Amino acid sequence: MHFTVSWDIQAEPELEKRIHNLLLDTLKKHATFIAEPLSKYFVVKIDIEPKWHLILKMLKGVCTMYKGKINFVMSPPMTGGQYNGELRDWTKINETTK
C-alpha cells in the first residue's frame, strides 16, 4: 500500500529547510519506504491504512504550527498501480509500489 504527497513551503530559506525536515521526518517515522522521484514529491509505502490517517493528521499539525506557510496535497492510500513519465531511475518507485 502506498500514497503520494507533495508540498510547497513559503518561508525564508532557513525556516523552509526546518519545515521541510519536519514534514519529511513525519514520513520517515511512519513509512516503510519512501521514494522522492521529483523535488518535494514523495511516493510513500505504508504497511496499513491507519498509518495514512496518522501521517495526514501529523502533516496537518505541522501546517497548523506554521500557519499559511505550507501547502500540501496527499493522495488516498492505494495498492498496486503503475506510474508513468520520464525519470532516469524507476527503481525506488517500483520498490514503493509493489
Protein backbone atom coordinates (compact mmCIF):
# COMPACT_ATOMS: atom_id res chain seq x y z
CA MET A 1 0.00 0.00 0.00
CA HIS A 2 1.28 3.47 -0.80
CA PHE A 3 0.28 7.10 -1.34
CA THR A 4 1.79 10.22 -2.81
CA VAL A 5 2.35 13.56 -1.12
CA SER A 6 3.85 16.81 -2.28
CA TRP A 7 4.31 20.16 -0.58
CA ASP A 8 5.31 23.75 -1.15
CA ILE A 9 6.72 25.89 1.62
CA GLN A 10 6.70 29.70 1.52
CA ALA A 11 9.30 30.80 4.06
CA GLU A 12 12.79 32.20 4.31
CA PRO A 13 15.42 29.59 3.38
CA GLU A 14 16.39 28.59 6.94
CA LEU A 15 12.77 28.21 8.08
CA GLU A 16 11.83 26.48 4.82
CA LYS A 17 14.53 23.87 5.45
CA ARG A 18 13.37 23.35 9.05
CA ILE A 19 9.73 22.90 7.98
CA HIS A 20 10.72 20.56 5.13
CA ASN A 21 12.71 18.41 7.56
CA LEU A 22 9.75 18.24 10.00
CA LEU A 23 7.43 17.09 7.22
CA LEU A 24 9.98 14.59 5.92
CA ASP A 25 10.68 13.25 9.42
CA THR A 26 6.95 12.59 9.78
CA LEU A 27 7.02 10.45 6.66
CA LYS A 28 10.19 8.64 7.70
CA LYS A 29 8.82 7.86 11.15
CA HIS A 30 5.72 6.07 9.84
CA ALA A 31 6.58 4.81 6.35
CA THR A 32 8.23 1.54 5.41
CA PHE A 33 9.86 3.06 2.29
CA ILE A 34 9.96 6.50 0.64
CA ALA A 35 10.85 7.47 -2.92
CA GLU A 36 11.36 11.09 -3.97
CA PRO A 37 11.36 10.98 -7.78
CA LEU A 38 10.85 14.75 -8.07
CA SER A 39 11.67 17.63 -5.78
CA LYS A 40 9.25 17.54 -2.83
CA TYR A 41 7.10 14.83 -4.46
CA PHE A 42 7.11 11.59 -2.49
CA VAL A 43 5.76 8.09 -3.09
CA VAL A 44 5.36 6.64 0.40
CA LYS A 45 4.95 2.95 1.23
CA ILE A 46 2.94 2.10 4.36
CA ASP A 47 2.04 -1.25 5.83
CA ILE A 48 -1.53 -0.49 6.98
CA GLU A 49 -4.15 2.13 6.11
CA PRO A 50 -4.32 3.64 9.63
CA LYS A 51 -0.73 4.87 9.04
CA TRP A 52 -2.09 7.06 6.21
CA HIS A 53 -4.58 8.67 8.61
CA LEU A 54 -1.86 9.19 11.22
CA ILE A 55 0.53 10.78 8.70
CA LEU A 56 -2.23 13.08 7.40
CA LYS A 57 -3.05 14.19 10.95
CA MET A 58 0.61 14.83 11.73
CA LEU A 59 1.26 16.76 8.49
CA LYS A 60 -1.78 18.92 9.24
CA GLY A 61 -0.33 19.50 12.70
CA VAL A 62 2.89 20.85 11.19
CA CYS A 63 0.79 23.09 8.93
CA THR A 64 -1.02 24.43 11.98
CA MET A 65 2.31 25.21 13.66
CA TYR A 66 3.42 27.18 10.58
CA LYS A 67 0.05 28.61 9.53
CA GLY A 68 -0.01 29.95 5.97
CA LYS A 69 3.49 28.75 5.10
CA ILE A 70 2.74 25.22 3.86
CA ASN A 71 0.53 23.82 1.13
CA PHE A 72 0.39 20.07 0.60
CA VAL A 73 -1.57 17.51 -1.40
CA MET A 74 -1.83 13.87 -0.35
CA SER A 75 -3.41 11.10 -2.41
CA PRO A 76 -5.60 8.43 -0.90
CA PRO A 77 -3.86 5.17 0.01
CA MET A 78 -3.71 2.73 -2.89
CA THR A 79 -2.49 -0.74 -3.69
CA GLY A 80 -0.65 -1.57 -6.90
CA GLY A 81 -0.74 0.71 -9.88
CA GLN A 82 1.96 1.86 -12.22
CA TYR A 83 3.46 5.32 -12.50
CA ASN A 84 4.37 6.69 -15.89
CA GLY A 85 6.55 9.55 -17.01
CA GLU A 86 10.19 10.34 -17.64
CA LEU A 87 12.72 9.53 -14.92
CA ARG A 88 16.32 8.35 -15.02
CA ASP A 89 15.69 5.65 -12.42
CA TRP A 90 12.39 3.95 -11.61
CA THR A 91 13.88 1.56 -9.02
CA LYS A 92 12.66 3.38 -5.88
CA ILE A 93 9.16 3.97 -7.23
CA ASN A 94 8.86 0.33 -8.26
CA GLU A 95 10.05 -0.75 -4.80
CA THR A 96 7.49 1.51 -3.16
CA THR A 97 4.50 0.39 -5.22
CA LYS A 98 4.99 -3.38 -5.17
